[in-house]
C-alpha cells in the first residue's frame, strides 16, 4: 500500500508541474485539468485514509 501511495504522490506532483509550466507559458488551464487534479487529490486522500485505518 505504501508503494501505491508513493506512485500516486509522484503522479500528482508531475501533473501539478505540467499545469504550472502551462501557466508560466501564459496558457490557460482547461477546466478539465482541475477535475483531474481533484481526482488525484481524492485518490491519494482515500488511499491514506484506507492505509491509516488498516494499520
N, C-alpha and C. Protein backbone atom coordinates (compact mmCIF):
# COMPACT_ATOMS: atom_id res chain seq x y z
N UNK A 1 0.82 -1.19 0.00
CA UNK A 1 0.00 0.00 0.00
C UNK A 1 0.87 1.26 0.00
N UNK A 2 2.01 1.19 0.69
CA UNK A 2 2.91 2.34 0.74
C UNK A 2 3.41 2.71 -0.65
N UNK A 3 3.75 1.70 -1.45
CA UNK A 3 4.24 1.98 -2.80
C UNK A 3 3.15 2.60 -3.67
N UNK A 4 1.93 2.18 -3.47
CA UNK A 4 0.80 2.77 -4.18
C UNK A 4 0.68 4.26 -3.84
N UNK A 5 0.83 4.59 -2.56
CA UNK A 5 0.77 5.98 -2.14
C UNK A 5 1.90 6.79 -2.76
N UNK A 6 3.08 6.22 -2.82
CA UNK A 6 4.22 6.91 -3.42
C UNK A 6 3.98 7.16 -4.90
N UNK A 7 3.45 6.16 -5.61
CA UNK A 7 3.18 6.31 -7.04
C UNK A 7 2.14 7.40 -7.28
N UNK A 8 1.08 7.40 -6.49
CA UNK A 8 0.03 8.41 -6.65
C UNK A 8 0.59 9.80 -6.33
N UNK A 9 1.42 9.90 -5.29
CA UNK A 9 2.01 11.20 -4.95
C UNK A 9 2.92 11.71 -6.07
N UNK A 10 3.69 10.83 -6.68
CA UNK A 10 4.56 11.23 -7.78
C UNK A 10 3.73 11.67 -8.99
N UNK A 11 2.65 10.94 -9.28
CA UNK A 11 1.77 11.35 -10.37
C UNK A 11 1.15 12.71 -10.11
N UNK A 12 0.75 12.95 -8.87
CA UNK A 12 0.15 14.23 -8.51
C UNK A 12 1.16 15.36 -8.67
N UNK A 13 2.38 15.15 -8.22
CA UNK A 13 3.41 16.18 -8.37
C UNK A 13 3.74 16.43 -9.83
N UNK A 14 3.81 15.38 -10.62
CA UNK A 14 4.10 15.54 -12.05
C UNK A 14 2.99 16.29 -12.76
N UNK A 15 1.76 15.96 -12.44
CA UNK A 15 0.61 16.62 -13.06
C UNK A 15 0.58 18.10 -12.68
N UNK A 16 0.85 18.38 -11.41
CA UNK A 16 0.89 19.78 -10.96
C UNK A 16 2.03 20.53 -11.65
N UNK A 17 3.16 19.88 -11.86
CA UNK A 17 4.29 20.52 -12.55
C UNK A 17 3.92 20.86 -13.99
N UNK A 18 3.20 19.98 -14.66
CA UNK A 18 2.75 20.25 -16.03
C UNK A 18 1.81 21.45 -16.05
N UNK A 19 0.89 21.52 -15.09
CA UNK A 19 -0.03 22.64 -15.04
C UNK A 19 0.70 23.96 -14.75
N UNK A 20 1.68 23.91 -13.86
CA UNK A 20 2.46 25.12 -13.56
C UNK A 20 3.24 25.57 -14.79
N UNK A 21 3.80 24.62 -15.53
CA UNK A 21 4.54 25.00 -16.74
C UNK A 21 3.61 25.63 -17.79
N UNK A 22 2.38 25.15 -17.87
CA UNK A 22 1.42 25.77 -18.79
C UNK A 22 1.10 27.20 -18.38
N UNK A 23 0.95 27.43 -17.09
CA UNK A 23 0.64 28.77 -16.60
C UNK A 23 1.82 29.70 -16.85
N UNK A 24 3.02 29.22 -16.66
CA UNK A 24 4.21 30.07 -16.87
C UNK A 24 4.38 30.44 -18.34
N UNK A 25 3.90 29.59 -19.24
CA UNK A 25 3.97 29.89 -20.67
C UNK A 25 2.86 30.85 -21.09
N UNK A 26 1.96 31.17 -20.18
CA UNK A 26 0.89 32.11 -20.47
C UNK A 26 -0.38 31.46 -20.99
N UNK A 27 -0.43 30.15 -20.96
CA UNK A 27 -1.63 29.46 -21.42
C UNK A 27 -2.63 29.30 -20.28
N UNK A 28 -3.88 29.21 -20.65
CA UNK A 28 -4.92 28.98 -19.63
C UNK A 28 -5.03 27.49 -19.37
N UNK A 29 -5.35 27.16 -18.13
CA UNK A 29 -5.55 25.76 -17.77
C UNK A 29 -6.99 25.40 -18.12
N UNK A 30 -7.20 24.31 -18.87
CA UNK A 30 -8.58 23.92 -19.19
C UNK A 30 -9.34 23.46 -17.94
N UNK A 31 -10.63 23.65 -17.92
CA UNK A 31 -11.42 23.25 -16.74
C UNK A 31 -11.29 21.77 -16.40
N UNK A 32 -11.08 20.93 -17.40
CA UNK A 32 -10.94 19.50 -17.13
C UNK A 32 -9.67 19.20 -16.34
N UNK A 33 -8.68 20.08 -16.43
CA UNK A 33 -7.44 19.87 -15.68
C UNK A 33 -7.70 19.97 -14.18
N UNK A 34 -8.60 20.86 -13.79
CA UNK A 34 -8.94 20.97 -12.38
C UNK A 34 -9.64 19.70 -11.89
N UNK A 35 -10.45 19.12 -12.74
CA UNK A 35 -11.12 17.87 -12.39
C UNK A 35 -10.11 16.74 -12.21
N UNK A 36 -9.13 16.69 -13.09
CA UNK A 36 -8.07 15.67 -12.96
C UNK A 36 -7.26 15.87 -11.70
N UNK A 37 -6.94 17.10 -11.37
CA UNK A 37 -6.20 17.39 -10.15
C UNK A 37 -7.01 17.01 -8.91
N UNK A 38 -8.29 17.31 -8.94
CA UNK A 38 -9.16 16.94 -7.82
C UNK A 38 -9.28 15.43 -7.68
N UNK A 39 -9.33 14.73 -8.80
CA UNK A 39 -9.43 13.26 -8.76
C UNK A 39 -8.17 12.65 -8.16
N UNK A 40 -6.99 13.15 -8.56
CA UNK A 40 -5.75 12.63 -7.98
C UNK A 40 -5.65 12.95 -6.50
N UNK A 41 -6.07 14.16 -6.12
CA UNK A 41 -6.07 14.50 -4.70
C UNK A 41 -7.02 13.61 -3.91
N UNK A 42 -8.20 13.38 -4.45
CA UNK A 42 -9.16 12.50 -3.77
C UNK A 42 -8.66 11.08 -3.66
N UNK A 43 -7.98 10.61 -4.71
CA UNK A 43 -7.43 9.25 -4.69
C UNK A 43 -6.36 9.10 -3.62
N UNK A 44 -5.46 10.06 -3.52
CA UNK A 44 -4.41 9.95 -2.51
C UNK A 44 -4.99 10.10 -1.11
N UNK A 45 -6.00 10.96 -0.95
CA UNK A 45 -6.64 11.10 0.35
C UNK A 45 -7.33 9.81 0.77
N UNK A 46 -8.05 9.19 -0.15
CA UNK A 46 -8.73 7.92 0.15
C UNK A 46 -7.72 6.82 0.46
N UNK A 47 -6.61 6.80 -0.27
CA UNK A 47 -5.59 5.78 -0.03
C UNK A 47 -4.93 5.98 1.33
N UNK A 48 -4.65 7.23 1.69
CA UNK A 48 -4.05 7.50 3.01
C UNK A 48 -5.01 7.11 4.13
N UNK A 49 -6.28 7.42 3.97
CA UNK A 49 -7.27 7.04 4.99
C UNK A 49 -7.39 5.53 5.10
N UNK A 50 -7.42 4.83 3.97
CA UNK A 50 -7.51 3.37 3.99
C UNK A 50 -6.28 2.76 4.63
N UNK A 51 -5.12 3.32 4.33
CA UNK A 51 -3.87 2.82 4.91
C UNK A 51 -3.85 3.05 6.40
N UNK A 52 -4.34 4.23 6.84
CA UNK A 52 -4.35 4.55 8.28
C UNK A 52 -5.33 3.66 9.03
N UNK A 53 -6.46 3.36 8.42
CA UNK A 53 -7.47 2.51 9.09
C UNK A 53 -6.98 1.07 9.16
N UNK A 54 -6.28 0.63 8.12
CA UNK A 54 -5.80 -0.76 8.08
C UNK A 54 -4.68 -1.02 9.07
N UNK A 55 -4.00 0.00 9.51
CA UNK A 55 -2.89 -0.18 10.44
C UNK A 55 -3.36 -0.45 11.80
